[in-house]
């Protein structure tokens, strides 16, 4: 599983994030949460900014924003 996650980060999520794909920062936020909380926190904040900018604030996006807030709080506690 760790190898698959590393491959996903390197081959998919990092290139997608650099290309501006909104969901990539969200996935990186979770992927780095255990190994690098400060790095994960940066991606969580970036994902939060992206989801807040979306014009269509549907139920799914509101749930993602709420989940990101919870995840950010947890990561901030870990990063201290």
N, C-alpha and C. Protein backbone atom coordinates (compact mmCIF):
# COMPACT_ATOMS: atom_id res chain seq x y z
N UNK A 1 0.82 -1.19 0.00
CA UNK A 1 0.00 0.00 0.00
C UNK A 1 0.87 1.26 0.00
N UNK A 2 1.93 1.29 0.81
CA UNK A 2 2.79 2.47 0.85
C UNK A 2 3.38 2.75 -0.52
N UNK A 3 3.79 1.69 -1.23
CA UNK A 3 4.38 1.86 -2.56
C UNK A 3 3.36 2.45 -3.52
N UNK A 4 2.12 2.00 -3.45
CA UNK A 4 1.07 2.53 -4.31
C UNK A 4 0.81 4.00 -4.01
N UNK A 5 0.84 4.36 -2.73
CA UNK A 5 0.61 5.75 -2.37
C UNK A 5 1.76 6.62 -2.87
N UNK A 6 2.98 6.16 -2.71
CA UNK A 6 4.15 6.91 -3.19
C UNK A 6 4.07 7.10 -4.70
N UNK A 7 3.71 6.05 -5.40
CA UNK A 7 3.57 6.12 -6.86
C UNK A 7 2.46 7.08 -7.26
N UNK A 8 1.35 7.03 -6.55
CA UNK A 8 0.24 7.94 -6.84
C UNK A 8 0.67 9.39 -6.64
N UNK A 9 1.41 9.65 -5.56
CA UNK A 9 1.88 11.01 -5.29
C UNK A 9 2.78 11.48 -6.42
N UNK A 10 3.78 10.68 -6.75
CA UNK A 10 4.78 11.09 -7.73
C UNK A 10 4.26 11.14 -9.16
N UNK A 11 3.44 10.17 -9.53
CA UNK A 11 3.02 10.07 -10.92
C UNK A 11 1.72 10.79 -11.24
N UNK A 12 0.89 10.98 -10.23
CA UNK A 12 -0.43 11.55 -10.52
C UNK A 12 -0.71 12.85 -9.78
N UNK A 13 -0.65 12.83 -8.47
CA UNK A 13 -1.12 13.98 -7.71
C UNK A 13 -0.21 15.19 -7.80
N UNK A 14 1.12 15.01 -7.70
CA UNK A 14 2.03 16.16 -7.83
C UNK A 14 1.95 16.79 -9.22
N UNK A 15 2.02 16.00 -10.30
CA UNK A 15 1.86 16.61 -11.62
C UNK A 15 0.49 17.28 -11.83
N UNK A 16 -0.55 16.65 -11.30
CA UNK A 16 -1.89 17.23 -11.43
C UNK A 16 -1.99 18.53 -10.65
N UNK A 17 -1.38 18.57 -9.47
CA UNK A 17 -1.41 19.79 -8.65
C UNK A 17 -0.66 20.91 -9.35
N UNK A 18 0.48 20.59 -9.93
CA UNK A 18 1.25 21.60 -10.67
C UNK A 18 0.49 22.11 -11.88
N UNK A 19 -0.35 21.25 -12.45
CA UNK A 19 -1.16 21.64 -13.61
C UNK A 19 -2.42 22.42 -13.22
N UNK A 20 -2.66 22.54 -11.90
CA UNK A 20 -3.79 23.33 -11.44
C UNK A 20 -5.08 22.56 -11.19
N UNK A 21 -5.01 21.25 -11.13
CA UNK A 21 -6.21 20.45 -10.87
C UNK A 21 -6.64 20.65 -9.42
N UNK A 22 -7.89 21.04 -9.20
CA UNK A 22 -8.37 21.40 -7.87
C UNK A 22 -8.28 20.26 -6.86
N UNK A 23 -8.59 19.06 -7.26
CA UNK A 23 -8.64 17.95 -6.31
C UNK A 23 -7.27 17.43 -5.90
N UNK A 24 -6.24 17.72 -6.67
CA UNK A 24 -4.91 17.16 -6.39
C UNK A 24 -4.39 17.62 -5.03
N UNK A 25 -4.53 18.89 -4.70
CA UNK A 25 -4.06 19.39 -3.41
C UNK A 25 -4.81 18.69 -2.27
N UNK A 26 -6.08 18.41 -2.47
CA UNK A 26 -6.88 17.69 -1.48
C UNK A 26 -6.27 16.30 -1.22
N UNK A 27 -5.94 15.59 -2.30
CA UNK A 27 -5.37 14.25 -2.16
C UNK A 27 -3.98 14.31 -1.53
N UNK A 28 -3.18 15.30 -1.90
CA UNK A 28 -1.85 15.46 -1.31
C UNK A 28 -1.96 15.79 0.18
N UNK A 29 -2.94 16.56 0.54
CA UNK A 29 -3.20 16.89 1.93
C UNK A 29 -3.34 15.60 2.75
N UNK A 30 -4.09 14.66 2.25
CA UNK A 30 -4.30 13.40 2.96
C UNK A 30 -3.10 12.46 2.83
N UNK A 31 -2.48 12.46 1.68
CA UNK A 31 -1.37 11.54 1.45
C UNK A 31 -0.18 11.84 2.35
N UNK A 32 0.07 13.10 2.62
CA UNK A 32 1.22 13.50 3.44
C UNK A 32 0.88 13.63 4.92
N UNK A 33 -0.34 13.45 5.31
CA UNK A 33 -0.79 13.72 6.68
C UNK A 33 0.02 13.01 7.75
N UNK A 34 0.31 11.75 7.58
CA UNK A 34 1.02 11.00 8.61
C UNK A 34 2.53 11.22 8.57
N UNK A 35 3.10 11.26 7.38
CA UNK A 35 4.55 11.33 7.24
C UNK A 35 5.10 12.75 7.35
N UNK A 36 4.35 13.72 6.87
CA UNK A 36 4.84 15.10 6.84
C UNK A 36 3.69 16.07 7.11
N UNK A 37 3.26 16.20 8.38
CA UNK A 37 2.10 17.03 8.70
C UNK A 37 2.20 18.49 8.23
N UNK A 38 3.39 19.08 8.32
CA UNK A 38 3.52 20.48 7.88
C UNK A 38 3.33 20.61 6.38
N UNK A 39 3.88 19.68 5.62
CA UNK A 39 3.68 19.68 4.17
C UNK A 39 2.21 19.45 3.85
N UNK A 40 1.61 18.49 4.54
CA UNK A 40 0.19 18.20 4.35
C UNK A 40 -0.65 19.43 4.65
N UNK A 41 -0.30 20.16 5.68
CA UNK A 41 -1.05 21.35 6.07
C UNK A 41 -1.05 22.38 4.94
N UNK A 42 0.08 22.56 4.30
CA UNK A 42 0.15 23.49 3.16
C UNK A 42 -0.78 23.07 2.04
N UNK A 43 -0.80 21.79 1.73
CA UNK A 43 -1.70 21.31 0.68
C UNK A 43 -3.15 21.41 1.11
N UNK A 44 -3.43 21.21 2.39
CA UNK A 44 -4.81 21.35 2.88
C UNK A 44 -5.30 22.79 2.71
N UNK A 45 -4.45 23.73 3.06
CA UNK A 45 -4.84 25.14 2.90
C UNK A 45 -5.03 25.50 1.43
N UNK A 46 -4.17 24.97 0.58
CA UNK A 46 -4.32 25.23 -0.85
C UNK A 46 -5.62 24.62 -1.37
N UNK A 47 -5.92 23.41 -0.94
CA UNK A 47 -7.17 22.76 -1.35
C UNK A 47 -8.37 23.55 -0.86
N UNK A 48 -8.30 24.04 0.36
CA UNK A 48 -9.40 24.83 0.92
C UNK A 48 -9.64 26.09 0.10
N UNK A 49 -8.56 26.77 -0.26
CA UNK A 49 -8.70 27.97 -1.11
C UNK A 49 -9.34 27.62 -2.44
N UNK A 50 -8.93 26.50 -3.04
CA UNK A 50 -9.49 26.09 -4.32
C UNK A 50 -10.98 25.80 -4.23
N UNK A 51 -11.37 25.06 -3.20
CA UNK A 51 -12.79 24.72 -3.06
C UNK A 51 -13.63 25.94 -2.71
N UNK A 52 -13.08 26.89 -2.01
CA UNK A 52 -13.83 28.11 -1.70
C UNK A 52 -14.06 28.96 -2.94
N UNK A 53 -13.16 28.87 -3.92
CA UNK A 53 -13.28 29.66 -5.14
C UNK A 53 -14.29 29.09 -6.13
N UNK A 54 -14.63 27.83 -5.97
CA UNK A 54 -15.56 27.21 -6.91
C UNK A 54 -16.89 27.94 -6.90
N UNK A 55 -17.38 28.21 -8.07
CA UNK A 55 -18.65 28.94 -8.17
C UNK A 55 -19.83 28.08 -7.74
N UNK A 56 -19.75 26.83 -8.02
CA UNK A 56 -20.84 25.91 -7.69
C UNK A 56 -20.59 25.34 -6.29
N UNK A 57 -21.20 25.92 -5.30
CA UNK A 57 -21.04 25.45 -3.92
C UNK A 57 -22.13 24.43 -3.61
N UNK A 58 -22.01 23.25 -4.22
CA UNK A 58 -23.02 22.22 -3.98
C UNK A 58 -22.75 21.50 -2.66
N UNK A 59 -23.61 20.57 -2.35
CA UNK A 59 -23.52 19.86 -1.07
C UNK A 59 -22.19 19.12 -0.92
N UNK A 60 -21.72 18.50 -2.01
CA UNK A 60 -20.45 17.78 -1.95
C UNK A 60 -19.29 18.72 -1.62
N UNK A 61 -19.25 19.87 -2.26
CA UNK A 61 -18.18 20.83 -2.01
C UNK A 61 -18.23 21.38 -0.60
N UNK A 62 -19.43 21.63 -0.09
CA UNK A 62 -19.56 22.11 1.29
C UNK A 62 -19.07 21.05 2.26
N UNK A 63 -19.34 19.79 1.97
CA UNK A 63 -18.88 18.70 2.83
C UNK A 63 -17.35 18.59 2.79
N UNK A 64 -16.77 18.78 1.62
CA UNK A 64 -15.31 18.74 1.48
C UNK A 64 -14.67 19.88 2.26
N UNK A 65 -15.24 21.07 2.17
CA UNK A 65 -14.72 22.23 2.90
C UNK A 65 -14.79 21.96 4.41
N UNK A 66 -15.88 21.43 4.88
CA UNK A 66 -16.00 21.11 6.31
C UNK A 66 -14.98 20.06 6.73
N UNK A 67 -14.80 19.06 5.89
CA UNK A 67 -13.84 18.01 6.18
C UNK A 67 -12.42 18.58 6.19
N UNK A 68 -12.11 19.48 5.27
CA UNK A 68 -10.79 20.10 5.24
C UNK A 68 -10.53 20.92 6.51
N UNK A 69 -11.53 21.63 6.98
CA UNK A 69 -11.38 22.38 8.23
C UNK A 69 -11.02 21.45 9.39
N UNK A 70 -11.68 20.31 9.47
CA UNK A 70 -11.39 19.35 10.53
C UNK A 70 -9.97 18.78 10.39
N UNK A 71 -9.61 18.47 9.17
CA UNK A 71 -8.29 17.90 8.91
C UNK A 71 -7.19 18.93 9.23
N UNK A 72 -7.43 20.19 8.87
CA UNK A 72 -6.47 21.25 9.17
C UNK A 72 -6.28 21.40 10.67
N UNK A 73 -7.36 21.35 11.42
CA UNK A 73 -7.26 21.46 12.88
C UNK A 73 -6.42 20.32 13.45
N UNK A 74 -6.62 19.12 12.96
CA UNK A 74 -5.86 17.97 13.42
C UNK A 74 -4.39 18.11 13.07
N UNK A 75 -4.10 18.53 11.83
CA UNK A 75 -2.72 18.68 11.40
C UNK A 75 -2.00 19.81 12.15
N UNK A 76 -2.72 20.89 12.44
CA UNK A 76 -2.11 21.97 13.19
C UNK A 76 -1.72 21.51 14.59
N UNK A 77 -2.53 20.66 15.18
CA UNK A 77 -2.20 20.11 16.50
C UNK A 77 -0.97 19.20 16.41
N UNK A 78 -0.86 18.43 15.35
CA UNK A 78 0.29 17.54 15.16
C UNK A 78 1.58 18.33 14.87
N UNK A 79 1.43 19.43 14.17
CA UNK A 79 2.60 20.21 13.74
C UNK A 79 3.21 21.01 14.88
N UNK A 80 2.52 21.15 15.97
CA UNK A 80 3.03 21.95 17.11
C UNK A 80 4.13 21.26 17.83
